[in-house]
Amino acid sequence: MSHDQHAEILYTPEFWDERYSSADRIWSGNPNPHLVSVVSPLAAGTALDVGSGEGADAIWLASHGWDVTAIDISQVALDRSAALAGALSISWEQRDVLTWGPGVDRFDLVSAQFMHLPSDALRSLHGRLAAAVRPGGTLLVVGHHPSDHGSTQIQRPDRADLLFTAEDIGVTLDPAQWDVTASSPSRTVVGTDGQPVEIRDAVLVAVRRA
């Protein structure tokens, strides 16, 4: 199967609806730790959660006073998220990130956690994420670091070209317009064999200058 054919299958609503329908829960149900760390000191405002999955990040944001728009390709995931969120202030929207654009909307926070796409599609998405950040707002992008590729102790995309570093994103942002912090922190998770394993994340935090 070619890379293009792989992408056509993997990045479709049908693929993700089937995956989310296969189990009562796919992810942990906890907000991503880098989101909590970066956002906790910020004043609440408007937030865009891109690739919201089962809604843990969006729900955490809304429970801390943020007015959240959460987008995902899977309506099954969005329906599950909405049921968990109850009356929290979240707009759940079915969107395909390969073609989605922010339009005129701008947000105080734009977050994309572990969105792994083919390199051209990923660069395009990161450009659109940056365009959705209003002056003074924060762009947070987190992904699996390429150094973890090939490990048998953790589940990672099987193609190295789907991984990226925070520096890969940072160099695409105009330093006259952005204050950029790129890092690759490590953390400990439970591996596929049930034992602790150290992993690295790619973490970009960029603040658009007012």
C-alpha atoms as a PDB file:
ATOM      1  CA  MET A   1       0.000   0.000   0.000  1.00  0.00           C
ATOM      2  CA  SER A   2       1.377   3.417  -0.915  1.00  0.00           C
ATOM      3  CA  HIS A   3       1.642   6.287   1.589  1.00  0.00           C
ATOM      4  CA  ASP A   4      -1.190   8.095  -0.207  1.00  0.00           C
ATOM      5  CA  GLN A   5      -3.452   5.032  -0.071  1.00  0.00           C
ATOM      6  CA  HIS A   6      -2.577   4.576   3.606  1.00  0.00           C
ATOM      7  CA  ALA A   7      -3.585   8.172   4.316  1.00  0.00           C
ATOM      8  CA  GLU A   8      -6.823   7.840   2.384  1.00  0.00           C
ATOM      9  CA  ILE A   9      -7.873   4.971   4.665  1.00  0.00           C
ATOM     10  CA  LEU A  10      -6.467   6.153   7.986  1.00  0.00           C
ATOM     11  CA  TYR A  11      -7.725   9.739   7.888  1.00  0.00           C
ATOM     12  CA  THR A  12     -11.386   9.169   7.117  1.00  0.00           C
ATOM     13  CA  PRO A  13     -14.518   9.477   9.273  1.00  0.00           C
ATOM     14  CA  GLU A  14     -15.306   5.828   8.583  1.00  0.00           C
ATOM     15  CA  PHE A  15     -11.965   4.621   9.962  1.00  0.00           C
ATOM     16  CA  TRP A  16     -12.253   6.621  13.179  1.00  0.00           C
ATOM     17  CA  ASP A  17     -15.968   5.960  13.689  1.00  0.00           C
ATOM     18  CA  GLU A  18     -15.216   2.245  13.468  1.00  0.00           C
ATOM     19  CA  ARG A  19     -12.296   2.542  15.880  1.00  0.00           C
ATOM     20  CA  TYR A  20     -14.284   4.472  18.487  1.00  0.00           C
ATOM     21  CA  SER A  21     -17.228   2.105  18.079  1.00  0.00           C
ATOM     22  CA  SER A  22     -14.959  -0.872  18.811  1.00  0.00           C
ATOM     23  CA  ALA A  23     -14.722  -0.115  22.545  1.00  0.00           C
ATOM     24  CA  ASP A  24     -16.451   1.844  25.284  1.00  0.00           C
ATOM     25  CA  ARG A  25     -13.256   3.888  25.703  1.00  0.00           C
ATOM     26  CA  ILE A  26     -10.130   4.208  23.552  1.00  0.00           C
ATOM     27  CA  TRP A  27      -8.101   6.741  25.546  1.00  0.00           C
ATOM     28  CA  SER A  28      -7.424   7.166  29.269  1.00  0.00           C
ATOM     29  CA  GLY A  29     -10.112   9.757  29.976  1.00  0.00           C
ATOM     30  CA  ASN A  30      -7.506  12.071  31.510  1.00  0.00           C
ATOM     31  CA  PRO A  31      -6.444  15.429  30.046  1.00  0.00           C
ATOM     32  CA  ASN A  32      -3.053  15.454  28.365  1.00  0.00           C
ATOM     33  CA  PRO A  33      -0.407  16.440  30.951  1.00  0.00           C
ATOM     34  CA  HIS A  34       1.279  19.091  28.805  1.00  0.00           C
ATOM     35  CA  LEU A  35      -2.072  20.807  28.261  1.00  0.00           C
ATOM     36  CA  VAL A  36      -2.652  20.967  32.012  1.00  0.00           C
ATOM     37  CA  SER A  37       0.886  22.228  32.659  1.00  0.00           C
ATOM     38  CA  VAL A  38       0.851  24.931  29.978  1.00  0.00           C
ATOM     39  CA  VAL A  39      -2.717  26.142  30.381  1.00  0.00           C
ATOM     40  CA  SER A  40      -3.116  26.141  34.178  1.00  0.00           C
ATOM     41  CA  PRO A  41      -1.349  29.537  34.607  1.00  0.00           C
ATOM     42  CA  LEU A  42      -3.330  31.179  31.775  1.00  0.00           C
ATOM     43  CA  ALA A  43      -6.455  33.275  32.172  1.00  0.00           C
ATOM     44  CA  ALA A  44      -9.432  31.425  30.737  1.00  0.00           C
ATOM     45  CA  GLY A  45     -10.725  32.579  27.360  1.00  0.00           C
ATOM     46  CA  THR A  46     -11.697  30.906  24.117  1.00  0.00           C
ATOM     47  CA  ALA A  47     -10.063  27.600  23.206  1.00  0.00           C
ATOM     48  CA  LEU A  48      -9.941  25.411  20.112  1.00  0.00           C
ATOM     49  CA  ASP A  49      -9.206  21.720  20.695  1.00  0.00           C
ATOM     50  CA  VAL A  50      -8.243  20.121  17.378  1.00  0.00           C
ATOM     51  CA  GLY A  51      -8.608  16.356  17.191  1.00  0.00           C
ATOM     52  CA  SER A  52     -10.570  16.276  20.424  1.00  0.00           C
ATOM     53  CA  GLY A  53     -11.077  12.499  20.524  1.00  0.00           C
ATOM     54  CA  GLU A  54     -13.154  11.432  23.497  1.00  0.00           C
ATOM     55  CA  GLY A  55     -13.136  14.937  24.905  1.00  0.00           C
ATOM     56  CA  ALA A  56     -10.889  14.769  27.977  1.00  0.00           C
ATOM     57  CA  ASP A  57      -8.943  17.932  27.094  1.00  0.00           C
ATOM     58  CA  ALA A  58     -12.030  19.899  26.070  1.00  0.00           C
ATOM     59  CA  ILE A  59     -13.862  18.870  29.229  1.00  0.00           C
ATOM     60  CA  TRP A  60     -10.888  19.835  31.409  1.00  0.00           C
ATOM     61  CA  LEU A  61     -10.651  23.226  29.701  1.00  0.00           C
ATOM     62  CA  ALA A  62     -14.374  23.925  30.041  1.00  0.00           C
ATOM     63  CA  SER A  63     -14.347  22.882  33.689  1.00  0.00           C
ATOM     64  CA  HIS A  64     -11.640  25.512  34.227  1.00  0.00           C
ATOM     65  CA  GLY A  65     -13.661  28.308  32.694  1.00  0.00           C
ATOM     66  CA  TRP A  66     -12.690  28.127  29.021  1.00  0.00           C
ATOM     67  CA  ASP A  67     -15.247  28.549  26.249  1.00  0.00           C
ATOM     68  CA  VAL A  68     -14.275  25.577  24.089  1.00  0.00           C
ATOM     69  CA  THR A  69     -14.744  24.596  20.464  1.00  0.00           C
ATOM     70  CA  ALA A  70     -13.752  20.965  19.974  1.00  0.00           C
ATOM     71  CA  ILE A  71     -13.363  19.460  16.516  1.00  0.00           C
ATOM     72  CA  ASP A  72     -12.829  15.863  15.472  1.00  0.00           C
ATOM     73  CA  ILE A  73     -13.325  13.781  12.358  1.00  0.00           C
ATOM     74  CA  SER A  74     -15.387  11.157  14.198  1.00  0.00           C
ATOM     75  CA  GLN A  75     -19.018  11.828  15.039  1.00  0.00           C
ATOM     76  CA  VAL A  76     -18.962   8.752  17.281  1.00  0.00           C
ATOM     77  CA  ALA A  77     -16.193  10.340  19.370  1.00  0.00           C
ATOM     78  CA  LEU A  78     -17.981  13.689  19.461  1.00  0.00           C
ATOM     79  CA  ASP A  79     -21.257  12.115  20.605  1.00  0.00           C
ATOM     80  CA  ARG A  80     -19.407  10.214  23.330  1.00  0.00           C
ATOM     81  CA  SER A  81     -17.639  13.402  24.408  1.00  0.00           C
ATOM     82  CA  ALA A  82     -20.851  15.419  24.527  1.00  0.00           C
ATOM     83  CA  ALA A  83     -22.483  12.804  26.748  1.00  0.00           C
ATOM     84  CA  LEU A  84     -19.559  12.996  29.178  1.00  0.00           C
ATOM     85  CA  ALA A  85     -19.455  16.810  29.132  1.00  0.00           C
ATOM     86  CA  GLY A  86     -23.051  17.387  30.129  1.00  0.00           C
ATOM     87  CA  ALA A  87     -23.833  21.110  30.409  1.00  0.00           C
ATOM     88  CA  LEU A  88     -20.244  22.362  30.097  1.00  0.00           C
ATOM     89  CA  SER A  89     -19.652  25.178  27.591  1.00  0.00           C
ATOM     90  CA  ILE A  90     -18.290  23.171  24.652  1.00  0.00           C
ATOM     91  CA  SER A  91     -19.223  23.301  20.983  1.00  0.00           C
ATOM     92  CA  TRP A  92     -18.649  19.853  19.443  1.00  0.00           C
ATOM     93  CA  GLU A  93     -18.041  20.054  15.685  1.00  0.00           C
ATOM     94  CA  GLN A  94     -17.367  17.304  13.152  1.00  0.00           C
ATOM     95  CA  ARG A  95     -14.499  18.480  10.917  1.00  0.00           C
ATOM     96  CA  ASP A  96     -11.834  16.880   8.735  1.00  0.00           C
ATOM     97  CA  VAL A  97      -8.481  18.412   9.717  1.00  0.00           C
ATOM     98  CA  LEU A  98      -7.115  17.695   6.237  1.00  0.00           C
ATOM     99  CA  THR A  99      -9.464  20.370   4.871  1.00  0.00           C
ATOM    100  CA  TRP A 100     -10.592  22.337   7.960  1.00  0.00           C
ATOM    101  CA  GLY A 101      -9.756  26.017   8.226  1.00  0.00           C
ATOM    102  CA  PRO A 102     -10.439  28.491  11.042  1.00  0.00           C
ATOM    103  CA  GLY A 103     -12.244  31.001   8.822  1.00  0.00           C
ATOM    104  CA  VAL A 104     -12.608  34.293  10.672  1.00  0.00           C
ATOM    105  CA  ASP A 105     -12.553  32.693  14.121  1.00  0.00           C
ATOM    106  CA  ARG A 106      -9.583  33.404  16.386  1.00  0.00           C
ATOM    107  CA  PHE A 107      -8.896  31.833  19.767  1.00  0.00           C
ATOM    108  CA  ASP A 108      -6.924  32.577  22.935  1.00  0.00           C
ATOM    109  CA  LEU A 109      -5.708  28.978  22.919  1.00  0.00           C
ATOM    110  CA  VAL A 110      -5.318  26.519  20.061  1.00  0.00           C
ATOM    111  CA  SER A 111      -4.328  23.008  21.124  1.00  0.00           C
ATOM    112  CA  ALA A 112      -3.544  19.938  19.017  1.00  0.00           C
ATOM    113  CA  GLN A 113      -2.430  16.867  20.924  1.00  0.00           C
ATOM    114  CA  PHE A 114      -0.814  13.907  19.167  1.00  0.00           C
ATOM    115  CA  MET A 115      -2.087  14.707  15.680  1.00  0.00           C
ATOM    116  CA  HIS A 116       0.129  12.652  13.372  1.00  0.00           C
ATOM    117  CA  LEU A 117      -0.354  13.149   9.646  1.00  0.00           C
ATOM    118  CA  PRO A 118       1.799  12.755   6.534  1.00  0.00           C
ATOM    119  CA  SER A 119       4.405  15.536   6.465  1.00  0.00           C
ATOM    120  CA  ASP A 120       2.793  17.757   3.825  1.00  0.00           C
ATOM    121  CA  ALA A 121      -0.633  17.517   5.466  1.00  0.00           C
ATOM    122  CA  LEU A 122       0.903  18.150   8.877  1.00  0.00           C
ATOM    123  CA  ARG A 123       2.705  21.304   7.746  1.00  0.00           C
ATOM    124  CA  SER A 124      -0.531  22.555   6.227  1.00  0.00           C
ATOM    125  CA  LEU A 125      -2.438  21.824   9.438  1.00  0.00           C
ATOM    126  CA  HIS A 126       0.144  23.562  11.609  1.00  0.00           C
ATOM    127  CA  GLY A 127      -0.124  26.652   9.419  1.00  0.00           C
ATOM    128  CA  ARG A 128      -3.887  26.691   9.862  1.00  0.00           C
ATOM    129  CA  LEU A 129      -3.564  26.165  13.614  1.00  0.00           C
ATOM    130  CA  ALA A 130      -1.250  29.171  13.839  1.00  0.00           C
ATOM    131  CA  ALA A 131      -3.671  31.258  11.801  1.00  0.00           C
ATOM    132  CA  ALA A 132      -6.408  30.517  14.345  1.00  0.00           C
ATOM    133  CA  VAL A 133      -4.488  32.100  17.262  1.00  0.00           C
ATOM    134  CA  ARG A 134      -5.394  35.680  18.093  1.00  0.00           C
ATOM    135  CA  PRO A 135      -2.747  38.225  19.160  1.00  0.00           C
ATOM    136  CA  GLY A 136      -1.641  37.423  22.690  1.00  0.00           C
ATOM    137  CA  GLY A 137      -2.938  33.866  22.327  1.00  0.00           C
ATOM    138  CA  THR A 138      -1.135  30.553  22.704  1.00  0.00           C
ATOM    139  CA  LEU A 139      -0.519  27.723  20.245  1.00  0.00           C
ATOM    140  CA  LEU A 140       0.162  24.355  21.889  1.00  0.00           C
ATOM    141  CA  VAL A 141       1.157  21.401  19.727  1.00  0.00           C
ATOM    142  CA  VAL A 142       2.216  18.096  21.284  1.00  0.00           C
ATOM    143  CA  GLY A 143       3.271  14.925  19.514  1.00  0.00           C
ATOM    144  CA  HIS A 144       5.230  11.709  19.863  1.00  0.00           C
ATOM    145  CA  HIS A 145       8.947  12.420  19.498  1.00  0.00           C
ATOM    146  CA  PRO A 146      10.796  10.650  16.660  1.00  0.00           C
ATOM    147  CA  SER A 147      13.268   9.186  19.172  1.00  0.00           C
ATOM    148  CA  ASP A 148      10.541   6.785  20.334  1.00  0.00           C
ATOM    149  CA  HIS A 149       9.986   5.338  16.867  1.00  0.00           C
ATOM    150  CA  GLY A 150      10.639   1.632  16.671  1.00  0.00           C
ATOM    151  CA  SER A 151      10.261   0.952  20.386  1.00  0.00           C
ATOM    152  CA  THR A 152       8.501  -2.334  21.098  1.00  0.00           C
ATOM    153  CA  GLN A 153       7.417  -1.159  24.564  1.00  0.00           C
ATOM    154  CA  ILE A 154       4.984   1.542  23.424  1.00  0.00           C
ATOM    155  CA  GLN A 155       2.494   1.990  20.621  1.00  0.00           C
ATOM    156  CA  ARG A 156       3.601   4.547  18.045  1.00  0.00           C
ATOM    157  CA  PRO A 157       2.733   5.335  14.401  1.00  0.00           C
ATOM    158  CA  ASP A 158       4.419   2.699  12.264  1.00  0.00           C
ATOM    159  CA  ARG A 159       5.830   5.302   9.858  1.00  0.00           C
ATOM    160  CA  ALA A 160       8.698   7.506  11.006  1.00  0.00           C
ATOM    161  CA  ASP A 161       7.580  10.288   8.664  1.00  0.00           C
ATOM    162  CA  LEU A 162       4.413  10.741  10.740  1.00  0.00           C
ATOM    163  CA  LEU A 163       6.486  11.911  13.716  1.00  0.00           C
ATOM    164  CA  PHE A 164       7.888  15.401  14.252  1.00  0.00           C
ATOM    165  CA  THR A 165       9.921  17.513  16.657  1.00  0.00           C
ATOM    166  CA  ALA A 166       8.754  20.768  18.196  1.00  0.00           C
ATOM    167  CA  GLU A 167      11.640  22.456  16.396  1.00  0.00           C
ATOM    168  CA  ASP A 168      10.168  21.285  13.077  1.00  0.00           C
ATOM    169  CA  ILE A 169       7.096  23.392  13.819  1.00  0.00           C
ATOM    170  CA  GLY A 170       8.911  26.280  15.462  1.00  0.00           C
ATOM    171  CA  VAL A 171      10.991  27.114  12.385  1.00  0.00           C
ATOM    172  CA  THR A 172       7.782  27.667  10.395  1.00  0.00           C
ATOM    173  CA  LEU A 173       6.653  30.491  12.700  1.00  0.00           C
ATOM    174  CA  ASP A 174       7.822  34.047  12.052  1.00  0.00           C
ATOM    175  CA  PRO A 175       9.985  35.066  15.040  1.00  0.00           C
ATOM    176  CA  ALA A 176       8.804  38.644  14.576  1.00  0.00           C
ATOM    177  CA  GLN A 177       5.270  37.483  15.380  1.00  0.00           C
ATOM    178  CA  TRP A 178       5.794  34.596  17.809  1.00  0.00           C
ATOM    179  CA  ASP A 179       7.615  33.809  21.044  1.00  0.00           C
ATOM    180  CA  VAL A 180       8.424  30.121  20.610  1.00  0.00           C
ATOM    181  CA  THR A 181       9.463  27.468  23.110  1.00  0.00           C
ATOM    182  CA  ALA A 182      10.317  24.047  21.661  1.00  0.00           C
ATOM    183  CA  SER A 183      11.165  21.148  23.943  1.00  0.00           C
ATOM    184  CA  SER A 184      11.301  17.357  24.119  1.00  0.00           C
ATOM    185  CA  PRO A 185      10.537  16.458  27.741  1.00  0.00           C
ATOM    186  CA  SER A 186      10.482  12.883  28.948  1.00  0.00           C
ATOM    187  CA  ARG A 187       7.827  11.211  31.082  1.00  0.00           C
ATOM    188  CA  THR A 188       7.137   7.733  32.373  1.00  0.00           C
ATOM    189  CA  VAL A 189       4.195   5.670  31.141  1.00  0.00           C
ATOM    190  CA  VAL A 190       3.135   2.056  31.382  1.00  0.00           C
ATOM    191  CA  GLY A 191       4.527   0.059  28.467  1.00  0.00           C
ATOM    192  CA  THR A 192       2.830  -2.667  26.470  1.00  0.00           C
ATOM    193  CA  ASP A 193       4.354  -5.249  28.843  1.00  0.00           C
ATOM    194  CA  GLY A 194       2.889  -3.507  31.897  1.00  0.00           C
ATOM    195  CA  GLN A 195       6.244  -2.122  33.025  1.00  0.00           C
ATOM    196  CA  PRO A 196       7.233   1.573  33.355  1.00  0.00           C
ATOM    197  CA  VAL A 197       8.926   3.008  30.279  1.00  0.00           C
ATOM    198  CA  GLU A 198      10.351   6.462  29.630  1.00  0.00           C
ATOM    199  CA  ILE A 199       9.109   8.272  26.537  1.00  0.00           C
ATOM    200  CA  ARG A 200       9.717  11.684  24.998  1.00  0.00           C
ATOM    201  CA  ASP A 201       7.177  14.160  23.662  1.00  0.00           C
ATOM    202  CA  ALA A 202       7.568  16.957  21.150  1.00  0.00           C
ATOM    203  CA  VAL A 203       6.094  20.078  22.788  1.00  0.00           C
ATOM    204  CA  LEU A 204       5.698  23.423  21.053  1.00  0.00           C
ATOM    205  CA  VAL A 205       4.376  26.415  22.988  1.00  0.00           C
ATOM    206  CA  ALA A 206       4.125  29.572  20.888  1.00  0.00           C
ATOM    207  CA  VAL A 207       2.599  32.872  21.964  1.00  0.00           C
ATOM    208  CA  ARG A 208       1.521  35.263  19.220  1.00  0.00           C
ATOM    209  CA  ARG A 209       2.788  38.739  20.010  1.00  0.00           C
ATOM    210  CA  ALA A 210       0.049  41.287  20.596  1.00  0.00           C
END
